[in-house]
Amino acid sequence: MNMVAYEFYWRNEIGEAHLVGILPERRRDPNRITDESVINWVKKVIGDSSVVNDIYFLKVNVEEDIGSSF
């Protein structure tokens, strides 16, 4: 079973990318999922500051392997 998640990165003033966080997608209605709605989540966490302008995200598929251990 696959799960969609978003990895959020912040690019600092010299262009280095830093992982801010990961958000699993839980919405069932794909019409509600937009780039703007994903960015709004990170704005709620970080706040509406100038740092938000330097944040981008990647959509990733996470494979769930039920029954195996690490």
C-alpha atoms as a PDB file:
ATOM      1  CA  MET A   1       0.000   0.000   0.000  1.00  0.00           C
ATOM      2  CA  ASN A   2       1.345   3.449  -0.905  1.00  0.00           C
ATOM      3  CA  MET A   3       0.819   6.695   0.945  1.00  0.00           C
ATOM      4  CA  VAL A   4       1.383  10.217  -0.401  1.00  0.00           C
ATOM      5  CA  ALA A   5       3.373  12.654   1.721  1.00  0.00           C
ATOM      6  CA  TYR A   6       4.990  16.056   1.262  1.00  0.00           C
ATOM      7  CA  GLU A   7       8.557  16.891   2.239  1.00  0.00           C
ATOM      8  CA  PHE A   8       9.031  20.585   3.055  1.00  0.00           C
ATOM      9  CA  TYR A   9      12.411  22.225   2.517  1.00  0.00           C
ATOM     10  CA  TRP A  10      13.688  25.682   3.411  1.00  0.00           C
ATOM     11  CA  ARG A  11      16.342  27.258   1.193  1.00  0.00           C
ATOM     12  CA  ASN A  12      18.663  29.547   3.156  1.00  0.00           C
ATOM     13  CA  GLU A  13      20.291  32.733   1.884  1.00  0.00           C
ATOM     14  CA  ILE A  14      23.216  30.848   0.290  1.00  0.00           C
ATOM     15  CA  GLY A  15      20.970  28.333  -1.454  1.00  0.00           C
ATOM     16  CA  GLU A  16      21.332  25.318   0.844  1.00  0.00           C
ATOM     17  CA  ALA A  17      18.180  23.260   1.361  1.00  0.00           C
ATOM     18  CA  HIS A  18      17.149  22.089   4.828  1.00  0.00           C
ATOM     19  CA  LEU A  19      14.342  19.636   5.622  1.00  0.00           C
ATOM     20  CA  VAL A  20      11.635  21.389   7.658  1.00  0.00           C
ATOM     21  CA  GLY A  21       9.151  18.549   8.026  1.00  0.00           C
ATOM     22  CA  ILE A  22       7.022  15.889   6.409  1.00  0.00           C
ATOM     23  CA  LEU A  23       3.241  15.970   6.065  1.00  0.00           C
ATOM     24  CA  PRO A  24       1.310  12.798   5.217  1.00  0.00           C
ATOM     25  CA  GLU A  25      -1.667  13.416   2.936  1.00  0.00           C
ATOM     26  CA  ARG A  26      -4.848  12.351   4.703  1.00  0.00           C
ATOM     27  CA  ARG A  27      -7.528  14.028   2.602  1.00  0.00           C
ATOM     28  CA  ARG A  28      -9.758  11.646   0.660  1.00  0.00           C
ATOM     29  CA  ASP A  29     -11.123  14.207  -1.815  1.00  0.00           C
ATOM     30  CA  PRO A  30      -8.431  14.906  -4.449  1.00  0.00           C
ATOM     31  CA  ASN A  31     -10.251  18.117  -5.462  1.00  0.00           C
ATOM     32  CA  ARG A  32      -9.229  19.640  -2.111  1.00  0.00           C
ATOM     33  CA  ILE A  33      -5.526  18.941  -2.710  1.00  0.00           C
ATOM     34  CA  THR A  34      -3.791  21.892  -4.353  1.00  0.00           C
ATOM     35  CA  ASP A  35      -0.308  23.367  -4.153  1.00  0.00           C
ATOM     36  CA  GLU A  36      -1.787  26.302  -2.249  1.00  0.00           C
ATOM     37  CA  SER A  37      -3.498  24.067   0.326  1.00  0.00           C
ATOM     38  CA  VAL A  38      -0.237  22.192   0.942  1.00  0.00           C
ATOM     39  CA  ILE A  39       1.713  25.445   1.418  1.00  0.00           C
ATOM     40  CA  ASN A  40      -1.013  26.749   3.759  1.00  0.00           C
ATOM     41  CA  TRP A  41      -0.230  23.860   6.116  1.00  0.00           C
ATOM     42  CA  VAL A  42       3.415  24.893   6.437  1.00  0.00           C
ATOM     43  CA  LYS A  43       2.349  28.523   6.960  1.00  0.00           C
ATOM     44  CA  LYS A  44       0.281  27.373   9.945  1.00  0.00           C
ATOM     45  CA  VAL A  45       3.294  25.612  11.428  1.00  0.00           C
ATOM     46  CA  ILE A  46       5.981  28.219  10.736  1.00  0.00           C
ATOM     47  CA  GLY A  47       3.853  31.327  10.684  1.00  0.00           C
ATOM     48  CA  ASP A  48       3.338  33.768   7.880  1.00  0.00           C
ATOM     49  CA  SER A  49       6.866  35.171   7.753  1.00  0.00           C
ATOM     50  CA  SER A  50       9.416  35.914   5.065  1.00  0.00           C
ATOM     51  CA  VAL A  51      10.901  32.438   5.661  1.00  0.00           C
ATOM     52  CA  VAL A  52       7.788  30.886   4.114  1.00  0.00           C
ATOM     53  CA  ASN A  53       8.721  32.480   0.791  1.00  0.00           C
ATOM     54  CA  ASP A  54      11.870  30.322   0.730  1.00  0.00           C
ATOM     55  CA  ILE A  55      10.053  27.040   1.377  1.00  0.00           C
ATOM     56  CA  TYR A  56       9.191  24.492  -1.266  1.00  0.00           C
ATOM     57  CA  PHE A  57       7.831  20.958  -1.130  1.00  0.00           C
ATOM     58  CA  LEU A  58       8.199  17.665  -2.910  1.00  0.00           C
ATOM     59  CA  LYS A  59       5.375  15.173  -3.260  1.00  0.00           C
ATOM     60  CA  VAL A  60       6.635  11.687  -2.413  1.00  0.00           C
ATOM     61  CA  ASN A  61       5.140   8.209  -2.338  1.00  0.00           C
ATOM     62  CA  VAL A  62       5.828   6.269   0.841  1.00  0.00           C
ATOM     63  CA  GLU A  63       5.567   2.510   0.606  1.00  0.00           C
ATOM     64  CA  GLU A  64       4.043   0.824   3.615  1.00  0.00           C
ATOM     65  CA  ASP A  65       5.389  -2.669   4.062  1.00  0.00           C
ATOM     66  CA  ILE A  66       3.115  -4.244   6.649  1.00  0.00           C
ATOM     67  CA  GLY A  67       4.607  -7.189   8.473  1.00  0.00           C
ATOM     68  CA  SER A  68       8.277  -6.361   8.199  1.00  0.00           C
ATOM     69  CA  SER A  69      10.503  -4.889  10.871  1.00  0.00           C
ATOM     70  CA  PHE A  70      13.466  -2.590  10.814  1.00  0.00           C
END
